[in-house]
Amino acid sequence: MPNWVIDGLLATSPRPGYAPGPETRVPQHVVRAWVHETIEFGIASVICLIHDDQLPLYRGELPQGLLTYYREAGLEVAHVPAYDQMTVPFRPEQYEEAWEAFLKLPKPVLVHCSAGMDRTGRIVRHIVERLGQGNGLGSAAGS
């Protein structure tokens, strides 16, 4: 379920079908329900942070892939892939790529990685800081 960071503008969520523990294939009905709930929540666009090594979790059930499935459902999509469980998952240019995507995408925008916490939190913090006219990277770039 999406959570607002800035009402009507920026939200976060885990990826469709996320559950703690070993990663397993995600059934199509789970993705369909996630997309439906996301659209009902009012989300227009998604910034997906999951790396290409996690996208195959969806290919068995979604031959077109997760990102195309989002687009076919009517969501605008930007993909800024970052590896999971890295101490520093983003290079400075990836923060800028996410910021530029946020600016260009129709609002509201939902940001997600797997759990919707670590990678998502870093990018959302960057966006919020940029909106507040901070330099954006803060300690998130190196923590």
N, C-alpha and C. Protein backbone atom coordinates (compact mmCIF):
# COMPACT_ATOMS: atom_id res chain seq x y z
N MET A 1 0.84 -1.18 0.00
CA MET A 1 0.00 0.00 0.00
C MET A 1 0.89 1.24 0.00
N PRO A 2 0.60 2.19 -0.87
CA PRO A 2 1.40 3.42 -0.91
C PRO A 2 1.24 4.24 0.37
N ASN A 3 2.29 4.99 0.67
CA ASN A 3 2.29 5.92 1.81
C ASN A 3 2.75 7.28 1.30
N TRP A 4 2.01 8.32 1.67
CA TRP A 4 2.40 9.66 1.25
C TRP A 4 3.61 10.13 2.03
N VAL A 5 4.55 10.71 1.33
CA VAL A 5 5.66 11.45 1.92
C VAL A 5 5.28 12.93 1.89
N ILE A 6 4.79 13.37 0.73
CA ILE A 6 4.22 14.71 0.56
C ILE A 6 2.86 14.49 -0.09
N ASP A 7 1.79 14.77 0.65
CA ASP A 7 0.44 14.49 0.17
C ASP A 7 0.22 14.99 -1.25
N GLY A 8 -0.27 14.09 -2.09
CA GLY A 8 -0.63 14.44 -3.45
C GLY A 8 0.54 14.66 -4.40
N LEU A 9 1.77 14.43 -3.91
CA LEU A 9 2.94 14.69 -4.74
C LEU A 9 3.92 13.52 -4.79
N LEU A 10 4.25 12.95 -3.63
CA LEU A 10 5.31 11.95 -3.55
C LEU A 10 4.93 10.87 -2.55
N ALA A 11 5.03 9.61 -3.00
CA ALA A 11 4.66 8.48 -2.14
C ALA A 11 5.72 7.39 -2.25
N THR A 12 5.67 6.45 -1.31
CA THR A 12 6.57 5.29 -1.33
C THR A 12 5.75 4.02 -1.15
N SER A 13 6.39 2.91 -1.51
CA SER A 13 5.75 1.61 -1.36
C SER A 13 6.80 0.53 -1.57
N PRO A 14 6.58 -0.66 -1.00
CA PRO A 14 7.37 -1.81 -1.43
C PRO A 14 6.99 -2.19 -2.86
N ARG A 15 7.82 -2.98 -3.51
CA ARG A 15 7.50 -3.48 -4.85
C ARG A 15 6.33 -4.44 -4.76
N PRO A 16 5.65 -4.69 -5.88
CA PRO A 16 4.56 -5.67 -5.87
C PRO A 16 5.06 -7.03 -5.40
N GLY A 17 4.36 -7.61 -4.44
CA GLY A 17 4.67 -8.95 -3.98
C GLY A 17 5.82 -9.05 -3.01
N TYR A 18 6.34 -7.93 -2.52
CA TYR A 18 7.47 -8.00 -1.60
C TYR A 18 7.05 -8.67 -0.30
N ALA A 19 7.91 -9.58 0.18
CA ALA A 19 7.76 -10.18 1.50
C ALA A 19 9.17 -10.42 2.03
N PRO A 20 9.41 -10.18 3.32
CA PRO A 20 10.73 -10.45 3.87
C PRO A 20 11.13 -11.91 3.64
N GLY A 21 12.41 -12.14 3.49
CA GLY A 21 12.90 -13.50 3.27
C GLY A 21 13.37 -13.69 1.85
N PRO A 22 13.53 -14.94 1.45
CA PRO A 22 14.02 -15.22 0.09
C PRO A 22 13.08 -14.64 -0.97
N GLU A 23 13.67 -14.11 -2.04
CA GLU A 23 12.86 -13.56 -3.12
C GLU A 23 12.28 -14.70 -3.94
N THR A 24 11.00 -14.60 -4.24
CA THR A 24 10.32 -15.62 -5.04
C THR A 24 9.56 -14.94 -6.17
N ARG A 25 9.23 -15.74 -7.19
CA ARG A 25 8.44 -15.23 -8.31
C ARG A 25 7.13 -14.64 -7.80
N VAL A 26 6.69 -13.60 -8.48
CA VAL A 26 5.49 -12.89 -8.04
C VAL A 26 4.35 -13.21 -9.00
N PRO A 27 3.24 -13.75 -8.50
CA PRO A 27 2.10 -14.07 -9.37
C PRO A 27 1.48 -12.81 -9.99
N GLN A 28 0.95 -12.97 -11.18
CA GLN A 28 0.36 -11.85 -11.90
C GLN A 28 -0.77 -11.20 -11.10
N HIS A 29 -1.60 -11.99 -10.42
CA HIS A 29 -2.71 -11.39 -9.68
C HIS A 29 -2.22 -10.47 -8.56
N VAL A 30 -1.05 -10.75 -8.01
CA VAL A 30 -0.48 -9.90 -6.97
C VAL A 30 -0.05 -8.56 -7.58
N VAL A 31 0.60 -8.62 -8.75
CA VAL A 31 1.01 -7.39 -9.43
C VAL A 31 -0.23 -6.59 -9.84
N ARG A 32 -1.22 -7.28 -10.38
CA ARG A 32 -2.44 -6.61 -10.81
C ARG A 32 -3.09 -5.88 -9.63
N ALA A 33 -3.17 -6.54 -8.48
CA ALA A 33 -3.77 -5.91 -7.30
C ALA A 33 -2.95 -4.71 -6.84
N TRP A 34 -1.62 -4.83 -6.87
CA TRP A 34 -0.74 -3.72 -6.48
C TRP A 34 -0.95 -2.53 -7.40
N VAL A 35 -0.98 -2.77 -8.70
CA VAL A 35 -1.17 -1.69 -9.67
C VAL A 35 -2.54 -1.05 -9.48
N HIS A 36 -3.57 -1.86 -9.30
CA HIS A 36 -4.92 -1.33 -9.09
C HIS A 36 -4.95 -0.44 -7.85
N GLU A 37 -4.38 -0.92 -6.76
CA GLU A 37 -4.38 -0.16 -5.51
C GLU A 37 -3.58 1.14 -5.67
N THR A 38 -2.48 1.07 -6.40
CA THR A 38 -1.64 2.24 -6.63
C THR A 38 -2.39 3.30 -7.42
N ILE A 39 -3.07 2.88 -8.47
CA ILE A 39 -3.85 3.81 -9.29
C ILE A 39 -5.03 4.37 -8.49
N GLU A 40 -5.70 3.52 -7.73
CA GLU A 40 -6.81 3.98 -6.88
C GLU A 40 -6.33 4.99 -5.84
N PHE A 41 -5.10 4.85 -5.39
CA PHE A 41 -4.51 5.77 -4.43
C PHE A 41 -4.28 7.14 -5.06
N GLY A 42 -4.28 7.17 -6.40
CA GLY A 42 -4.11 8.43 -7.12
C GLY A 42 -2.76 8.60 -7.79
N ILE A 43 -1.93 7.59 -7.73
CA ILE A 43 -0.58 7.68 -8.30
C ILE A 43 -0.65 7.71 -9.82
N ALA A 44 0.15 8.60 -10.43
CA ALA A 44 0.21 8.72 -11.89
C ALA A 44 1.50 8.13 -12.46
N SER A 45 2.57 8.11 -11.64
CA SER A 45 3.88 7.71 -12.14
C SER A 45 4.64 6.92 -11.08
N VAL A 46 5.59 6.11 -11.56
CA VAL A 46 6.42 5.28 -10.69
C VAL A 46 7.89 5.48 -11.04
N ILE A 47 8.71 5.69 -10.01
CA ILE A 47 10.16 5.59 -10.17
C ILE A 47 10.55 4.26 -9.53
N CYS A 48 10.95 3.32 -10.37
CA CYS A 48 11.31 1.98 -9.92
C CYS A 48 12.82 1.90 -9.73
N LEU A 49 13.24 1.51 -8.53
CA LEU A 49 14.67 1.45 -8.20
C LEU A 49 15.22 0.03 -8.19
N ILE A 50 14.36 -0.98 -8.39
CA ILE A 50 14.89 -2.34 -8.33
C ILE A 50 15.82 -2.58 -9.51
N HIS A 51 16.89 -3.31 -9.23
CA HIS A 51 17.91 -3.55 -10.25
C HIS A 51 17.44 -4.63 -11.21
N ASP A 52 18.08 -4.66 -12.36
CA ASP A 52 17.73 -5.65 -13.39
C ASP A 52 17.81 -7.08 -12.88
N ASP A 53 18.61 -7.33 -11.85
CA ASP A 53 18.71 -8.69 -11.32
C ASP A 53 17.47 -9.10 -10.54
N GLN A 54 16.59 -8.16 -10.19
CA GLN A 54 15.35 -8.48 -9.48
C GLN A 54 14.14 -8.51 -10.42
N LEU A 55 14.25 -7.93 -11.58
CA LEU A 55 13.11 -7.91 -12.52
C LEU A 55 12.68 -9.30 -12.98
N PRO A 56 13.59 -10.29 -13.08
CA PRO A 56 13.13 -11.63 -13.48
C PRO A 56 12.12 -12.27 -12.52
N LEU A 57 11.97 -11.74 -11.32
CA LEU A 57 10.95 -12.25 -10.40
C LEU A 57 9.55 -12.12 -11.00
N TYR A 58 9.41 -11.25 -12.01
CA TYR A 58 8.11 -10.98 -12.61
C TYR A 58 7.96 -11.58 -14.00
N ARG A 59 9.03 -12.01 -14.63
CA ARG A 59 8.97 -12.41 -16.03
C ARG A 59 8.17 -13.68 -16.27
N GLY A 60 8.15 -14.61 -15.34
CA GLY A 60 7.38 -15.83 -15.53
C GLY A 60 5.90 -15.57 -15.68
N GLU A 61 5.39 -14.63 -14.91
CA GLU A 61 3.97 -14.30 -14.91
C GLU A 61 3.65 -13.12 -15.83
N LEU A 62 4.65 -12.29 -16.07
CA LEU A 62 4.47 -11.10 -16.90
C LEU A 62 5.52 -11.14 -18.01
N PRO A 63 5.22 -11.83 -19.11
CA PRO A 63 6.23 -11.95 -20.18
C PRO A 63 6.75 -10.60 -20.67
N GLN A 64 5.91 -9.56 -20.58
CA GLN A 64 6.32 -8.24 -21.04
C GLN A 64 7.21 -7.53 -20.02
N GLY A 65 7.31 -8.08 -18.82
CA GLY A 65 8.12 -7.47 -17.76
C GLY A 65 7.31 -6.51 -16.91
N LEU A 66 7.84 -6.25 -15.73
CA LEU A 66 7.14 -5.41 -14.75
C LEU A 66 6.97 -3.97 -15.23
N LEU A 67 8.02 -3.38 -15.78
CA LEU A 67 7.95 -1.97 -16.16
C LEU A 67 6.97 -1.74 -17.30
N THR A 68 6.96 -2.65 -18.26
CA THR A 68 5.99 -2.56 -19.35
C THR A 68 4.58 -2.78 -18.82
N TYR A 69 4.43 -3.69 -17.87
CA TYR A 69 3.11 -3.92 -17.26
C TYR A 69 2.59 -2.63 -16.62
N TYR A 70 3.46 -1.93 -15.90
CA TYR A 70 3.06 -0.65 -15.32
C TYR A 70 2.57 0.30 -16.41
N ARG A 71 3.35 0.41 -17.48
CA ARG A 71 2.99 1.33 -18.57
C ARG A 71 1.66 0.93 -19.21
N GLU A 72 1.48 -0.36 -19.45
CA GLU A 72 0.24 -0.83 -20.06
C GLU A 72 -0.97 -0.54 -19.17
N ALA A 73 -0.75 -0.45 -17.87
CA ALA A 73 -1.83 -0.15 -16.92
C ALA A 73 -2.12 1.35 -16.85
N GLY A 74 -1.29 2.16 -17.51
CA GLY A 74 -1.53 3.60 -17.53
C GLY A 74 -0.60 4.43 -16.67
N LEU A 75 0.38 3.80 -16.04
CA LEU A 75 1.34 4.54 -15.22
C LEU A 75 2.52 4.98 -16.08
N GLU A 76 3.02 6.17 -15.83
CA GLU A 76 4.29 6.60 -16.42
C GLU A 76 5.39 5.99 -15.56
N VAL A 77 6.53 5.66 -16.17
CA VAL A 77 7.57 4.93 -15.45
C VAL A 77 8.95 5.49 -15.76
N ALA A 78 9.75 5.61 -14.71
CA ALA A 78 11.19 5.85 -14.84
C ALA A 78 11.89 4.73 -14.08
N HIS A 79 12.96 4.22 -14.65
CA HIS A 79 13.72 3.14 -14.01
C HIS A 79 15.12 3.64 -13.70
N VAL A 80 15.45 3.69 -12.42
CA VAL A 80 16.78 4.08 -11.95
C VAL A 80 17.30 2.89 -11.15
N PRO A 81 17.85 1.88 -11.83
CA PRO A 81 18.21 0.64 -11.14
C PRO A 81 19.38 0.80 -10.18
N ALA A 82 19.23 0.21 -9.00
CA ALA A 82 20.30 0.20 -7.99
C ALA A 82 20.30 -1.16 -7.31
N TYR A 83 21.49 -1.69 -7.09
CA TYR A 83 21.59 -2.99 -6.40
C TYR A 83 21.07 -2.88 -4.98
N ASP A 84 20.46 -3.96 -4.52
CA ASP A 84 19.94 -4.05 -3.16
C ASP A 84 21.09 -4.34 -2.19
N GLN A 85 20.93 -3.90 -0.98
CA GLN A 85 21.82 -4.19 0.14
C GLN A 85 23.26 -3.75 -0.11
N MET A 86 23.41 -2.61 -0.74
CA MET A 86 24.73 -2.01 -0.94
C MET A 86 24.88 -0.87 0.07
N THR A 87 26.06 -0.72 0.64
CA THR A 87 26.29 0.37 1.58
C THR A 87 26.02 1.71 0.93
N VAL A 88 26.51 1.87 -0.29
CA VAL A 88 26.25 3.09 -1.06
C VAL A 88 25.66 2.65 -2.39
N PRO A 89 24.32 2.51 -2.46
CA PRO A 89 23.71 1.94 -3.66
C PRO A 89 23.66 2.88 -4.87
N PHE A 90 23.81 4.17 -4.64
CA PHE A 90 23.65 5.14 -5.73
C PHE A 90 24.92 5.94 -5.96
N ARG A 91 25.22 6.15 -7.22
CA ARG A 91 26.26 7.10 -7.60
C ARG A 91 25.59 8.48 -7.66
N PRO A 92 26.35 9.57 -7.51
CA PRO A 92 25.75 10.91 -7.54
C PRO A 92 24.88 11.14 -8.78
N GLU A 93 25.30 10.63 -9.93
CA GLU A 93 24.51 10.86 -11.14
C GLU A 93 23.16 10.13 -11.10
N GLN A 94 23.06 9.06 -10.31
CA GLN A 94 21.77 8.38 -10.17
C GLN A 94 20.80 9.21 -9.34
N TYR A 95 21.31 9.91 -8.33
CA TYR A 95 20.45 10.82 -7.58
C TYR A 95 19.88 11.88 -8.53
N GLU A 96 20.75 12.40 -9.39
CA GLU A 96 20.32 13.43 -10.34
C GLU A 96 19.32 12.85 -11.34
N GLU A 97 19.56 11.61 -11.78
CA GLU A 97 18.64 10.96 -12.71
C GLU A 97 17.25 10.80 -12.08
N ALA A 98 17.22 10.40 -10.81
CA ALA A 98 15.94 10.26 -10.11
C ALA A 98 15.26 11.62 -9.95
N TRP A 99 16.03 12.65 -9.63
CA TRP A 99 15.47 14.00 -9.48
C TRP A 99 14.88 14.48 -10.80
N GLU A 100 15.62 14.31 -11.89
CA GLU A 100 15.12 14.72 -13.20
C GLU A 100 13.86 13.94 -13.58
N ALA A 101 13.83 12.65 -13.27
CA ALA A 101 12.64 11.85 -13.55
C ALA A 101 11.46 12.39 -12.75
N PHE A 102 11.68 12.68 -11.47
CA PHE A 102 10.61 13.22 -10.64
C PHE A 102 10.05 14.51 -11.24
N LEU A 103 10.94 15.39 -11.70
CA LEU A 103 10.49 16.65 -12.27
C LEU A 103 9.65 16.45 -13.52
N LYS A 104 10.02 15.49 -14.35
CA LYS A 104 9.36 15.28 -15.65
C LYS A 104 8.09 14.45 -15.57
N LEU A 105 8.02 13.54 -14.62
CA LEU A 105 6.88 12.62 -14.56
C LEU A 105 5.61 13.33 -14.09
N PRO A 106 4.45 12.88 -14.58
CA PRO A 106 3.18 13.38 -14.04
C PRO A 106 3.09 13.05 -12.55
N LYS A 107 2.51 13.95 -11.80
CA LYS A 107 2.37 13.77 -10.35
C LYS A 107 0.98 13.25 -10.03
N PRO A 108 0.86 12.55 -8.93
CA PRO A 108 1.84 12.17 -7.94
C PRO A 108 2.74 11.03 -8.42
N VAL A 109 3.93 10.98 -7.82
CA VAL A 109 4.94 9.97 -8.15
C VAL A 109 5.13 9.05 -6.96
N LEU A 110 5.18 7.75 -7.23
CA LEU A 110 5.50 6.74 -6.22
C LEU A 110 6.90 6.23 -6.49
N VAL A 111 7.73 6.14 -5.45
CA VAL A 111 9.08 5.58 -5.56
C VAL A 111 9.08 4.24 -4.85
N HIS A 112 9.65 3.22 -5.51
CA HIS A 112 9.77 1.93 -4.83
C HIS A 112 11.04 1.20 -5.21
N CYS A 113 11.54 0.44 -4.23
CA CYS A 113 12.60 -0.54 -4.45
C CYS A 113 11.96 -1.87 -4.07
N SER A 114 12.63 -2.72 -3.32
CA SER A 114 11.99 -3.97 -2.89
C SER A 114 11.11 -3.74 -1.67
N ALA A 115 11.74 -3.40 -0.56
CA ALA A 115 10.98 -3.20 0.68
C ALA A 115 10.39 -1.80 0.78
N GLY A 116 10.83 -0.90 -0.09
CA GLY A 116 10.35 0.47 -0.03
C GLY A 116 10.98 1.26 1.10
N MET A 117 12.21 0.86 1.48
CA MET A 117 12.84 1.52 2.63
C MET A 117 14.22 2.09 2.28
N ASP A 118 15.22 1.26 2.12
CA ASP A 118 16.59 1.75 2.02
C ASP A 118 16.85 2.57 0.75
N ARG A 119 16.79 1.92 -0.40
CA ARG A 119 17.02 2.65 -1.66
C ARG A 119 15.95 3.72 -1.85
N THR A 120 14.71 3.35 -1.57
CA THR A 120 13.61 4.30 -1.70
C THR A 120 13.82 5.50 -0.78
N GLY A 121 14.19 5.24 0.46
CA GLY A 121 14.40 6.31 1.42
C GLY A 121 15.48 7.29 0.99
N ARG A 122 16.55 6.77 0.41
CA ARG A 122 17.64 7.65 -0.04
C ARG A 122 17.19 8.55 -1.18
N ILE A 123 16.48 7.97 -2.14
CA ILE A 123 16.02 8.78 -3.28
C ILE A 123 14.95 9.77 -2.84
N VAL A 124 14.02 9.33 -2.01
CA VAL A 124 12.97 10.24 -1.54
C VAL A 124 13.58 11.38 -0.72
N ARG A 125 14.55 11.06 0.11
CA ARG A 125 15.21 12.12 0.88
C ARG A 125 15.85 13.13 -0.07
N HIS A 126 16.49 12.63 -1.10
CA HIS A 126 17.11 13.53 -2.09
C HIS A 126 16.06 14.43 -2.74
N ILE A 127 14.95 13.84 -3.15
CA ILE A 127 13.89 14.62 -3.79
C ILE A 127 13.34 15.67 -2.82
N VAL A 128 13.06 15.27 -1.60
CA VAL A 128 12.52 16.20 -0.60
C VAL A 128 13.51 17.33 -0.33
N GLU A 129 14.79 16.99 -0.21
CA GLU A 129 15.79 18.03 0.01
C GLU A 129 15.87 18.98 -1.17
N ARG A 130 15.80 18.44 -2.38
CA ARG A 130 15.85 19.31 -3.57
C ARG A 130 14.61 20.20 -3.62
N LEU A 131 13.47 19.67 -3.26
CA LEU A 131 12.26 20.48 -3.22
C LEU A 131 12.38 21.60 -2.20
N GLY A 132 13.13 21.33 -1.12
CA GLY A 132 13.36 22.33 -0.09
C GLY A 132 14.56 23.21 -0.37
N GLN A 133 15.12 23.07 -1.56
CA GLN A 133 16.24 23.86 -2.05
C GLN A 133 17.54 23.57 -1.31
N GLY A 134 17.63 22.37 -0.68
CA GLY A 134 18.92 21.93 -0.13
C GLY A 134 19.76 21.40 -1.28
N ASN A 135 20.97 20.93 -0.98
CA ASN A 135 21.80 20.43 -2.07
C ASN A 135 21.40 19.03 -2.50
N GLY A 136 20.51 18.37 -1.74
CA GLY A 136 19.95 17.11 -2.17
C GLY A 136 20.67 15.89 -1.67
N LEU A 137 21.99 15.87 -1.71
CA LEU A 137 22.68 14.65 -1.35
C LEU A 137 22.76 14.44 0.15
N GLY A 138 23.05 15.47 0.89
CA GLY A 138 23.14 15.35 2.33
C GLY A 138 23.94 14.12 2.73
N SER A 139 23.65 13.54 3.86
CA SER A 139 24.37 12.35 4.30
C SER A 139 23.88 11.10 3.59
N ALA A 140 22.78 11.19 2.85
CA ALA A 140 22.24 10.01 2.17
C ALA A 140 23.20 9.49 1.12
N ALA A 141 24.02 10.35 0.56
CA ALA A 141 24.92 9.92 -0.51
C ALA A 141 26.03 9.03 0.02
N GLY A 142 26.37 9.17 1.28
CA GLY A 142 27.49 8.40 1.77
C GLY A 142 27.14 7.45 2.89
N SER A 143 25.90 7.37 3.26
CA SER A 143 25.54 6.49 4.38
C SER A 143 25.01 5.18 3.89
